[in-house]
C-alpha atoms as a PDB file:
ATOM      1  CA  UNK A   1      92.813 128.752  88.986  1.00  0.00           C
ATOM      2  CA  UNK A   2      94.410 132.205  88.808  1.00  0.00           C
ATOM      3  CA  UNK A   3      97.888 132.696  90.282  1.00  0.00           C
ATOM      4  CA  UNK A   4      99.929 135.869  90.589  1.00  0.00           C
ATOM      5  CA  UNK A   5     103.095 136.106  88.525  1.00  0.00           C
ATOM      6  CA  UNK A   6     106.175 137.836  89.864  1.00  0.00           C
ATOM      7  CA  UNK A   7     109.551 138.772  88.516  1.00  0.00           C
ATOM      8  CA  UNK A   8     112.624 137.023  89.842  1.00  0.00           C
ATOM      9  CA  UNK A   9     113.284 140.035  92.103  1.00  0.00           C
ATOM     10  CA  UNK A  10     109.822 139.728  93.677  1.00  0.00           C
ATOM     11  CA  UNK A  11     108.004 142.527  91.819  1.00  0.00           C
ATOM     12  CA  UNK A  12     104.502 141.812  90.511  1.00  0.00           C
ATOM     13  CA  UNK A  13     104.203 140.857  86.850  1.00  0.00           C
ATOM     14  CA  UNK A  14     100.488 140.144  86.319  1.00  0.00           C
ATOM     15  CA  UNK A  15      98.495 136.927  86.602  1.00  0.00           C
ATOM     16  CA  UNK A  16      98.378 133.548  84.914  1.00  0.00           C
ATOM     17  CA  UNK A  17      95.452 131.149  84.606  1.00  0.00           C
ATOM     18  CA  UNK A  18      96.383 127.595  85.565  1.00  0.00           C
ATOM     19  CA  UNK A  19      94.549 124.690  83.970  1.00  0.00           C
ATOM     20  CA  UNK A  20      92.485 122.919  86.643  1.00  0.00           C
ATOM     21  CA  UNK A  21      92.932 119.632  84.785  1.00  0.00           C
ATOM     22  CA  UNK A  22      96.667 119.849  85.595  1.00  0.00           C
ATOM     23  CA  UNK A  23      96.933 122.011  88.719  1.00  0.00           C
ATOM     24  CA  UNK A  24      93.524 121.372  90.302  1.00  0.00           C
ATOM     25  CA  UNK A  25      93.439 117.576  90.666  1.00  0.00           C
ATOM     26  CA  UNK A  26      92.537 116.162  94.082  1.00  0.00           C
ATOM     27  CA  UNK A  27      95.673 114.373  95.370  1.00  0.00           C
ATOM     28  CA  UNK A  28      95.595 110.709  96.402  1.00  0.00           C
ATOM     29  CA  UNK A  29      98.330 109.360  98.652  1.00  0.00           C
ATOM     30  CA  UNK A  30      98.186 105.877  97.110  1.00  0.00           C
ATOM     31  CA  UNK A  31      98.798 107.177  93.564  1.00  0.00           C
ATOM     32  CA  UNK A  32     101.664 109.425  94.673  1.00  0.00           C
ATOM     33  CA  UNK A  33     103.190 106.546  96.626  1.00  0.00           C
ATOM     34  CA  UNK A  34     103.042 104.233  93.613  1.00  0.00           C
ATOM     35  CA  UNK A  35     104.711 106.762  91.320  1.00  0.00           C
ATOM     36  CA  UNK A  36     107.462 107.681  93.805  1.00  0.00           C
ATOM     37  CA  UNK A  37     108.178 103.991  94.470  1.00  0.00           C
ATOM     38  CA  UNK A  38     108.355 103.349  90.724  1.00  0.00           C
ATOM     39  CA  UNK A  39     110.769 106.256  90.253  1.00  0.00           C
ATOM     40  CA  UNK A  40     113.111 105.147  93.013  1.00  0.00           C
ATOM     41  CA  UNK A  41     113.064 101.512  91.885  1.00  0.00           C
ATOM     42  CA  UNK A  42     113.818 102.572  88.307  1.00  0.00           C
ATOM     43  CA  UNK A  43     116.946 104.393  89.483  1.00  0.00           C
ATOM     44  CA  UNK A  44     118.449 101.216  90.928  1.00  0.00           C
ATOM     45  CA  UNK A  45     121.001  99.455  88.785  1.00  0.00           C
ATOM     46  CA  UNK A  46     121.056  95.700  88.304  1.00  0.00           C
ATOM     47  CA  UNK A  47     122.661  93.948  91.270  1.00  0.00           C
ATOM     48  CA  UNK A  48     125.719  92.178  89.888  1.00  0.00           C
ATOM     49  CA  UNK A  49     125.837  88.447  90.596  1.00  0.00           C
ATOM     50  CA  UNK A  50     128.829  86.399  91.693  1.00  0.00           C
ATOM     51  CA  UNK A  51     129.757  83.103  90.076  1.00  0.00           C
ATOM     52  CA  UNK A  52     128.814  80.135  92.170  1.00  0.00           C
ATOM     53  CA  UNK A  53     130.099  76.608  91.922  1.00  0.00           C
ATOM     54  CA  UNK A  54     127.934  75.720  88.928  1.00  0.00           C
ATOM     55  CA  UNK A  55     128.957  78.875  87.026  1.00  0.00           C
ATOM     56  CA  UNK A  56     132.741  78.417  87.184  1.00  0.00           C
ATOM     57  CA  UNK A  57     134.489  76.825  84.195  1.00  0.00           C
ATOM     58  CA  UNK A  58     136.756  74.343  86.011  1.00  0.00           C
ATOM     59  CA  UNK A  59     137.306  70.669  85.451  1.00  0.00           C
ATOM     60  CA  UNK A  60     134.945  68.249  87.118  1.00  0.00           C
ATOM     61  CA  UNK A  61     137.435  65.398  86.873  1.00  0.00           C
ATOM     62  CA  UNK A  62     138.688  63.941  90.139  1.00  0.00           C
ATOM     63  CA  UNK A  63     142.218  65.314  90.341  1.00  0.00           C
ATOM     64  CA  UNK A  64     143.636  63.161  93.121  1.00  0.00           C
ATOM     65  CA  UNK A  65     143.286  59.641  94.328  1.00  0.00           C
ATOM     66  CA  UNK A  66     140.728  58.815  96.979  1.00  0.00           C
ATOM     67  CA  UNK A  67     143.211  57.412  99.493  1.00  0.00           C
ATOM     68  CA  UNK A  68     146.868  57.622 100.258  1.00  0.00           C
ATOM     69  CA  UNK A  69     147.470  61.247  99.314  1.00  0.00           C
ATOM     70  CA  UNK A  70     147.532  62.548 102.850  1.00  0.00           C
ATOM     71  CA  UNK A  71     145.011  65.239 101.944  1.00  0.00           C
ATOM     72  CA  UNK A  72     141.253  65.631 101.959  1.00  0.00           C
ATOM     73  CA  UNK A  73     139.276  63.817  99.281  1.00  0.00           C
ATOM     74  CA  UNK A  74     138.198  66.212  96.492  1.00  0.00           C
ATOM     75  CA  UNK A  75     136.512  65.663  93.186  1.00  0.00           C
ATOM     76  CA  UNK A  76     135.943  69.138  91.727  1.00  0.00           C
ATOM     77  CA  UNK A  77     138.223  72.151  91.265  1.00  0.00           C
ATOM     78  CA  UNK A  78     135.166  74.438  91.228  1.00  0.00           C
ATOM     79  CA  UNK A  79     134.656  73.936  94.963  1.00  0.00           C
ATOM     80  CA  UNK A  80     134.607  77.217  96.928  1.00  0.00           C
ATOM     81  CA  UNK A  81     137.725  76.322  98.944  1.00  0.00           C
ATOM     82  CA  UNK A  82     139.962  76.460  95.859  1.00  0.00           C
ATOM     83  CA  UNK A  83     141.412  79.569  94.212  1.00  0.00           C
ATOM     84  CA  UNK A  84     139.334  80.192  91.112  1.00  0.00           C
ATOM     85  CA  UNK A  85     136.440  78.171  92.459  1.00  0.00           C
ATOM     86  CA  UNK A  86     132.862  79.355  92.777  1.00  0.00           C
ATOM     87  CA  UNK A  87     131.710  81.531  95.642  1.00  0.00           C
ATOM     88  CA  UNK A  88     129.643  79.857  98.326  1.00  0.00           C
ATOM     89  CA  UNK A  89     126.224  81.493  98.812  1.00  0.00           C
ATOM     90  CA  UNK A  90     127.106  84.363  96.450  1.00  0.00           C
ATOM     91  CA  UNK A  91     125.002  87.369  95.524  1.00  0.00           C
ATOM     92  CA  UNK A  92     122.214  86.617  93.062  1.00  0.00           C
ATOM     93  CA  UNK A  93     121.294  88.775  90.085  1.00  0.00           C
ATOM     94  CA  UNK A  94     118.430  91.188  90.778  1.00  0.00           C
ATOM     95  CA  UNK A  95     116.813  93.402  88.158  1.00  0.00           C
ATOM     96  CA  UNK A  96     114.905  96.466  89.351  1.00  0.00           C
ATOM     97  CA  UNK A  97     112.721  97.280  86.378  1.00  0.00           C
ATOM     98  CA  UNK A  98     109.167  97.782  87.648  1.00  0.00           C
ATOM     99  CA  UNK A  99     106.435  98.775  85.245  1.00  0.00           C
ATOM    100  CA  UNK A 100     103.789 101.425  85.831  1.00  0.00           C
ATOM    101  CA  UNK A 101     100.957 102.441  83.550  1.00  0.00           C
ATOM    102  CA  UNK A 102     101.544 105.740  81.710  1.00  0.00           C
ATOM    103  CA  UNK A 103      98.158 107.027  82.842  1.00  0.00           C
ATOM    104  CA  UNK A 104      99.099 106.476  86.481  1.00  0.00           C
ATOM    105  CA  UNK A 105     102.433 108.250  85.946  1.00  0.00           C
ATOM    106  CA  UNK A 106     100.697 111.219  84.318  1.00  0.00           C
ATOM    107  CA  UNK A 107      98.059 111.324  87.056  1.00  0.00           C
ATOM    108  CA  UNK A 108     100.763 111.249  89.733  1.00  0.00           C
ATOM    109  CA  UNK A 109     102.522 114.256  88.186  1.00  0.00           C
ATOM    110  CA  UNK A 110      99.248 116.189  88.004  1.00  0.00           C
ATOM    111  CA  UNK A 111      98.569 115.384  91.668  1.00  0.00           C
ATOM    112  CA  UNK A 112     102.072 116.486  92.689  1.00  0.00           C
ATOM    113  CA  UNK A 113     101.655 119.792  90.845  1.00  0.00           C
ATOM    114  CA  UNK A 114      98.190 120.235  92.350  1.00  0.00           C
ATOM    115  CA  UNK A 115      99.590 119.606  95.833  1.00  0.00           C
ATOM    116  CA  UNK A 116     102.124 122.383  95.345  1.00  0.00           C
ATOM    117  CA  UNK A 117      99.482 124.678  93.826  1.00  0.00           C
ATOM    118  CA  UNK A 118      97.398 124.342  96.992  1.00  0.00           C
ATOM    119  CA  UNK A 119     100.419 124.869  99.258  1.00  0.00           C
ATOM    120  CA  UNK A 120     101.482 128.043  97.458  1.00  0.00           C
ATOM    121  CA  UNK A 121     102.965 127.699  94.016  1.00  0.00           C
ATOM    122  CA  UNK A 122     105.401 130.411  92.861  1.00  0.00           C
ATOM    123  CA  UNK A 123     105.220 131.501  89.215  1.00  0.00           C
ATOM    124  CA  UNK A 124     107.838 133.851  87.763  1.00  0.00           C
ATOM    125  CA  UNK A 125     107.855 135.464  84.336  1.00  0.00           C
ATOM    126  CA  UNK A 126     111.410 134.305  83.539  1.00  0.00           C
ATOM    127  CA  UNK A 127     114.736 133.393  85.120  1.00  0.00           C
ATOM    128  CA  UNK A 128     116.681 136.249  83.511  1.00  0.00           C
ATOM    129  CA  UNK A 129     119.137 137.746  86.005  1.00  0.00           C
ATOM    130  CA  UNK A 130     120.737 141.177  85.861  1.00  0.00           C
ATOM    131  CA  UNK A 131     123.684 139.862  87.842  1.00  0.00           C
ATOM    132  CA  UNK A 132     124.132 136.117  87.296  1.00  0.00           C
ATOM    133  CA  UNK A 133     126.176 135.600  90.440  1.00  0.00           C
ATOM    134  CA  UNK A 134     125.599 133.094  93.230  1.00  0.00           C
ATOM    135  CA  UNK A 135     125.836 135.724  95.977  1.00  0.00           C
ATOM    136  CA  UNK A 136     123.233 137.948  94.307  1.00  0.00           C
ATOM    137  CA  UNK A 137     120.910 134.988  93.736  1.00  0.00           C
ATOM    138  CA  UNK A 138     121.146 133.943  97.399  1.00  0.00           C
ATOM    139  CA  UNK A 139     120.049 137.446  98.394  1.00  0.00           C
ATOM    140  CA  UNK A 140     117.169 137.273  95.905  1.00  0.00           C
ATOM    141  CA  UNK A 141     116.018 133.953  97.362  1.00  0.00           C
ATOM    142  CA  UNK A 142     116.120 135.456 100.858  1.00  0.00           C
ATOM    143  CA  UNK A 143     114.045 138.488  99.828  1.00  0.00           C
ATOM    144  CA  UNK A 144     111.457 136.238  98.163  1.00  0.00           C
ATOM    145  CA  UNK A 145     111.274 133.937 101.186  1.00  0.00           C
ATOM    146  CA  UNK A 146     112.362 130.864  99.242  1.00  0.00           C
ATOM    147  CA  UNK A 147     113.913 128.905 102.066  1.00  0.00           C
ATOM    148  CA  UNK A 148     114.857 125.251 102.491  1.00  0.00           C
ATOM    149  CA  UNK A 149     114.894 123.050  99.421  1.00  0.00           C
ATOM    150  CA  UNK A 150     113.817 124.913  96.286  1.00  0.00           C
ATOM    151  CA  UNK A 151     112.992 123.326  92.933  1.00  0.00           C
ATOM    152  CA  UNK A 152     112.974 125.676  89.941  1.00  0.00           C
ATOM    153  CA  UNK A 153     111.458 124.437  86.680  1.00  0.00           C
ATOM    154  CA  UNK A 154     112.007 126.354  83.443  1.00  0.00           C
ATOM    155  CA  UNK A 155     110.630 125.829  79.929  1.00  0.00           C
ATOM    156  CA  UNK A 156     112.248 123.996  77.020  1.00  0.00           C
ATOM    157  CA  UNK A 157     115.730 124.659  78.412  1.00  0.00           C
ATOM    158  CA  UNK A 158     117.011 126.160  81.623  1.00  0.00           C
ATOM    159  CA  UNK A 159     118.318 129.723  81.532  1.00  0.00           C
ATOM    160  CA  UNK A 160     122.096 129.280  81.476  1.00  0.00           C
ATOM    161  CA  UNK A 161     122.919 132.259  83.702  1.00  0.00           C
ATOM    162  CA  UNK A 162     120.445 131.159  86.365  1.00  0.00           C
ATOM    163  CA  UNK A 163     121.670 127.559  86.193  1.00  0.00           C
ATOM    164  CA  UNK A 164     125.265 128.611  86.726  1.00  0.00           C
ATOM    165  CA  UNK A 165     124.383 130.972  89.570  1.00  0.00           C
ATOM    166  CA  UNK A 166     122.189 128.389  91.330  1.00  0.00           C
ATOM    167  CA  UNK A 167     124.673 125.555  90.895  1.00  0.00           C
ATOM    168  CA  UNK A 168     126.514 126.234  94.171  1.00  0.00           C
ATOM    169  CA  UNK A 169     123.490 126.964  96.363  1.00  0.00           C
ATOM    170  CA  UNK A 170     122.738 123.988  98.664  1.00  0.00           C
ATOM    171  CA  UNK A 171     119.203 122.622  98.345  1.00  0.00           C
ATOM    172  CA  UNK A 172     118.436 124.408  95.065  1.00  0.00           C
ATOM    173  CA  UNK A 173     117.784 122.310  91.972  1.00  0.00           C
ATOM    174  CA  UNK A 174     116.916 123.483  88.463  1.00  0.00           C
ATOM    175  CA  UNK A 175     115.151 121.380  85.812  1.00  0.00           C
ATOM    176  CA  UNK A 176     113.663 121.892  82.347  1.00  0.00           C
ATOM    177  CA  UNK A 177     109.929 121.261  82.036  1.00  0.00           C
ATOM    178  CA  UNK A 178     110.566 117.860  80.447  1.00  0.00           C
ATOM    179  CA  UNK A 179     112.424 116.757  83.597  1.00  0.00           C
ATOM    180  CA  UNK A 180     109.568 117.550  85.996  1.00  0.00           C
ATOM    181  CA  UNK A 181     108.813 114.496  88.134  1.00  0.00           C
ATOM    182  CA  UNK A 182     106.784 113.556  91.182  1.00  0.00           C
ATOM    183  CA  UNK A 183     109.666 112.678  93.500  1.00  0.00           C
ATOM    184  CA  UNK A 184     111.555 115.966  93.069  1.00  0.00           C
ATOM    185  CA  UNK A 185     108.388 118.072  93.287  1.00  0.00           C
ATOM    186  CA  UNK A 186     107.328 116.475  96.575  1.00  0.00           C
ATOM    187  CA  UNK A 187     110.847 116.387  98.037  1.00  0.00           C
ATOM    188  CA  UNK A 188     111.376 120.164  97.860  1.00  0.00           C
ATOM    189  CA  UNK A 189     109.820 122.749 100.148  1.00  0.00           C
ATOM    190  CA  UNK A 190     109.195 125.364  97.444  1.00  0.00           C
ATOM    191  CA  UNK A 191     108.289 124.897  93.776  1.00  0.00           C
ATOM    192  CA  UNK A 192     109.050 127.761  91.387  1.00  0.00           C
ATOM    193  CA  UNK A 193     107.723 127.599  87.823  1.00  0.00           C
ATOM    194  CA  UNK A 194     108.352 129.981  84.976  1.00  0.00           C
ATOM    195  CA  UNK A 195     105.493 130.955  82.654  1.00  0.00           C
ATOM    196  CA  UNK A 196     107.180 128.852  79.972  1.00  0.00           C
ATOM    197  CA  UNK A 197     107.227 125.880  82.347  1.00  0.00           C
ATOM    198  CA  UNK A 198     103.503 126.244  83.021  1.00  0.00           C
ATOM    199  CA  UNK A 199     102.779 126.313  79.288  1.00  0.00           C
ATOM    200  CA  UNK A 200     105.010 123.298  78.639  1.00  0.00           C
ATOM    201  CA  UNK A 201     103.501 121.240  81.457  1.00  0.00           C
ATOM    202  CA  UNK A 202      99.945 121.997  80.365  1.00  0.00           C
ATOM    203  CA  UNK A 203     100.798 121.193  76.732  1.00  0.00           C
ATOM    204  CA  UNK A 204     102.432 117.952  77.881  1.00  0.00           C
ATOM    205  CA  UNK A 205      99.106 116.653  79.148  1.00  0.00           C
ATOM    206  CA  UNK A 206      96.787 118.301  76.658  1.00  0.00           C
ATOM    207  CA  UNK A 207      98.877 117.034  73.771  1.00  0.00           C
END
């Protein structure tokens, strides 16, 4: 699959051949759904439990006589009605650590990239900016027609000037090639890859 390459200012900069094994895979909604669900579940931290009656270290000895005290009859300081006692019907511990086969994860990323390739993938030669200012970058995005949520993926590392300039633009996110993931690719309206990012992503699967 051949895609046109442009400079960050929109001028043409040749073509690039995309590997069909990475950017030409037929998407499947069930695979994409499984990978996105796995990603979101993996982000969830362990739900912290509360200590219930059996978890509290209090004496189990009957601390008052059965009759004649003028109070209710109790036999355990760990009861929920006492200060320091266990919580009644407290939150239980929940671990969110789902597993997903590496092949399915890799296939999901290929399908996400292929989906964007069909919808109109943008490839730029680099993210070098003459004027690394937020205002200038906003104007550049407007000229290129990159509206809504934009995900920009660079190569080994993200160009520092571009990252700083894009940091204050709402809806714009920048990632290195290693951070490319299904959820972010599908969540954004426009996907912009550098030539380095394309090479890194293809090497990631071919390696």
